[in-house]
Amino acid sequence: MITIRKLILETIHMYHMPVAGNTNAGYYIVSNRDELRAFVRSITHRIQEMTDRQIRVQAYYYARNPEELAKETPDEPQNDGEGTADPFDEF
């Protein structure tokens, strides 16, 4: 299925365009340093929020299922692999 997000990523990759986005402004071409800084700040904050949520969900899961923690191995990934692929691999 083709989505707007995939088309935007393809455009960024194919045309080397500095396309950014946020929930208030939608997608836009970064045209100055202030916009770039704002985008980087925003996405860094979102990454931190997602990381914090991942840590909490894993901790709460293992607190409720301690027997599962013993099954973990050091080489085993801490997620199911969903969403970890480079989005540009498909282009």
C-alpha atoms as a PDB file:
ATOM      1  CA  MET A   1       0.000   0.000   0.000  1.00  0.00           C
ATOM      2  CA  ILE A   2       1.338   3.410  -0.932  1.00  0.00           C
ATOM      3  CA  THR A   3       0.951   6.069   1.723  1.00  0.00           C
ATOM      4  CA  ILE A   4       1.675   9.778   1.783  1.00  0.00           C
ATOM      5  CA  ARG A   5       4.469   9.101   4.264  1.00  0.00           C
ATOM      6  CA  LYS A   6       6.137   6.654   1.850  1.00  0.00           C
ATOM      7  CA  LEU A   7       5.821   9.123  -1.008  1.00  0.00           C
ATOM      8  CA  ILE A   8       7.363  11.879   1.113  1.00  0.00           C
ATOM      9  CA  LEU A   9      10.269   9.601   2.113  1.00  0.00           C
ATOM     10  CA  GLU A  10      10.781   8.655  -1.524  1.00  0.00           C
ATOM     11  CA  THR A  11      10.792  12.331  -2.521  1.00  0.00           C
ATOM     12  CA  ILE A  12      13.331  13.169   0.181  1.00  0.00           C
ATOM     13  CA  HIS A  13      15.579  10.358  -0.934  1.00  0.00           C
ATOM     14  CA  MET A  14      15.266  10.709  -4.715  1.00  0.00           C
ATOM     15  CA  TYR A  15      15.469  14.480  -4.939  1.00  0.00           C
ATOM     16  CA  HIS A  16      17.641  15.171  -1.854  1.00  0.00           C
ATOM     17  CA  MET A  17      15.030  17.586  -0.559  1.00  0.00           C
ATOM     18  CA  PRO A  18      15.033  18.752   3.064  1.00  0.00           C
ATOM     19  CA  VAL A  19      11.388  17.908   3.701  1.00  0.00           C
ATOM     20  CA  ALA A  20      10.358  18.048   7.335  1.00  0.00           C
ATOM     21  CA  GLY A  21       7.030  17.752   9.023  1.00  0.00           C
ATOM     22  CA  ASN A  22       5.138  18.209  12.228  1.00  0.00           C
ATOM     23  CA  THR A  23       1.589  17.667  13.371  1.00  0.00           C
ATOM     24  CA  ASN A  24       0.721  21.386  13.238  1.00  0.00           C
ATOM     25  CA  ALA A  25       2.322  22.428   9.935  1.00  0.00           C
ATOM     26  CA  GLY A  26       2.183  19.189   7.960  1.00  0.00           C
ATOM     27  CA  TYR A  27       5.049  18.602   5.539  1.00  0.00           C
ATOM     28  CA  TYR A  28       7.209  21.513   4.393  1.00  0.00           C
ATOM     29  CA  ILE A  29      10.582  22.169   2.780  1.00  0.00           C
ATOM     30  CA  VAL A  30      13.085  23.399   5.340  1.00  0.00           C
ATOM     31  CA  SER A  31      14.207  26.777   4.045  1.00  0.00           C
ATOM     32  CA  ASN A  32      16.352  28.222   6.820  1.00  0.00           C
ATOM     33  CA  ARG A  33      18.461  27.323   9.816  1.00  0.00           C
ATOM     34  CA  ASP A  34      15.744  28.183  12.345  1.00  0.00           C
ATOM     35  CA  GLU A  35      13.315  25.762  10.696  1.00  0.00           C
ATOM     36  CA  LEU A  36      16.015  23.093  10.657  1.00  0.00           C
ATOM     37  CA  ARG A  37      16.751  23.612  14.358  1.00  0.00           C
ATOM     38  CA  ALA A  38      13.054  23.496  15.227  1.00  0.00           C
ATOM     39  CA  PHE A  39      12.600  20.269  13.252  1.00  0.00           C
ATOM     40  CA  VAL A  40      15.640  18.607  14.845  1.00  0.00           C
ATOM     41  CA  ARG A  41      14.488  19.680  18.312  1.00  0.00           C
ATOM     42  CA  SER A  42      10.988  18.347  17.649  1.00  0.00           C
ATOM     43  CA  ILE A  43      12.050  14.993  16.256  1.00  0.00           C
ATOM     44  CA  THR A  44      14.655  14.516  19.005  1.00  0.00           C
ATOM     45  CA  HIS A  45      11.921  15.092  21.586  1.00  0.00           C
ATOM     46  CA  ARG A  46       9.644  12.562  19.837  1.00  0.00           C
ATOM     47  CA  ILE A  47      12.438   9.982  19.745  1.00  0.00           C
ATOM     48  CA  GLN A  48      13.021  10.450  23.473  1.00  0.00           C
ATOM     49  CA  GLU A  49       9.304  10.068  24.212  1.00  0.00           C
ATOM     50  CA  MET A  50       9.167   6.823  22.212  1.00  0.00           C
ATOM     51  CA  THR A  51      12.302   5.500  23.910  1.00  0.00           C
ATOM     52  CA  ASP A  52      10.875   6.309  27.343  1.00  0.00           C
ATOM     53  CA  ARG A  53       7.638   4.534  26.427  1.00  0.00           C
ATOM     54  CA  GLN A  54       9.532   1.470  25.153  1.00  0.00           C
ATOM     55  CA  ILE A  55      11.488   1.230  28.403  1.00  0.00           C
ATOM     56  CA  ARG A  56       8.337   1.565  30.512  1.00  0.00           C
ATOM     57  CA  VAL A  57       6.346  -0.987  28.500  1.00  0.00           C
ATOM     58  CA  GLN A  58       9.180  -3.516  28.704  1.00  0.00           C
ATOM     59  CA  ALA A  59       9.655  -2.930  32.432  1.00  0.00           C
ATOM     60  CA  TYR A  60       5.929  -3.243  33.156  1.00  0.00           C
ATOM     61  CA  TYR A  61       5.657  -6.365  30.987  1.00  0.00           C
ATOM     62  CA  TYR A  62       8.513  -8.109  32.808  1.00  0.00           C
ATOM     63  CA  ALA A  63       7.186  -6.965  36.183  1.00  0.00           C
ATOM     64  CA  ARG A  64       3.933  -8.780  35.334  1.00  0.00           C
ATOM     65  CA  ASN A  65       5.690 -11.717  33.647  1.00  0.00           C
ATOM     66  CA  PRO A  66       8.962 -12.317  35.517  1.00  0.00           C
ATOM     67  CA  GLU A  67       9.269 -15.838  34.113  1.00  0.00           C
ATOM     68  CA  GLU A  68       9.720 -14.277  30.648  1.00  0.00           C
ATOM     69  CA  LEU A  69      12.751 -12.298  31.794  1.00  0.00           C
ATOM     70  CA  ALA A  70      14.639 -15.522  32.459  1.00  0.00           C
ATOM     71  CA  LYS A  71      14.071 -16.502  28.803  1.00  0.00           C
ATOM     72  CA  GLU A  72      15.885 -13.398  27.487  1.00  0.00           C
ATOM     73  CA  THR A  73      19.344 -13.939  26.109  1.00  0.00           C
ATOM     74  CA  PRO A  74      21.991 -11.226  25.704  1.00  0.00           C
ATOM     75  CA  ASP A  75      21.938 -11.604  21.909  1.00  0.00           C
ATOM     76  CA  GLU A  76      18.159 -11.443  21.646  1.00  0.00           C
ATOM     77  CA  PRO A  77      16.802  -8.132  20.329  1.00  0.00           C
ATOM     78  CA  GLN A  78      14.706  -6.135  22.763  1.00  0.00           C
ATOM     79  CA  ASN A  79      11.932  -5.656  20.212  1.00  0.00           C
ATOM     80  CA  ASP A  80      10.171  -7.754  17.609  1.00  0.00           C
ATOM     81  CA  GLY A  81      11.932  -6.076  14.694  1.00  0.00           C
ATOM     82  CA  GLU A  82       8.883  -4.079  13.640  1.00  0.00           C
ATOM     83  CA  GLY A  83       9.711  -0.569  12.561  1.00  0.00           C
ATOM     84  CA  THR A  84      13.464  -1.029  12.781  1.00  0.00           C
ATOM     85  CA  ALA A  85      14.217  -1.243   9.065  1.00  0.00           C
ATOM     86  CA  ASP A  86      15.705   1.721   7.285  1.00  0.00           C
ATOM     87  CA  PRO A  87      12.768   3.328   5.430  1.00  0.00           C
ATOM     88  CA  PHE A  88      15.069   4.096   2.504  1.00  0.00           C
ATOM     89  CA  ASP A  89      15.914   0.431   1.912  1.00  0.00           C
ATOM     90  CA  GLU A  90      12.819   0.051  -0.241  1.00  0.00           C
ATOM     91  CA  PHE A  91      13.853   2.803  -2.695  1.00  0.00           C
END
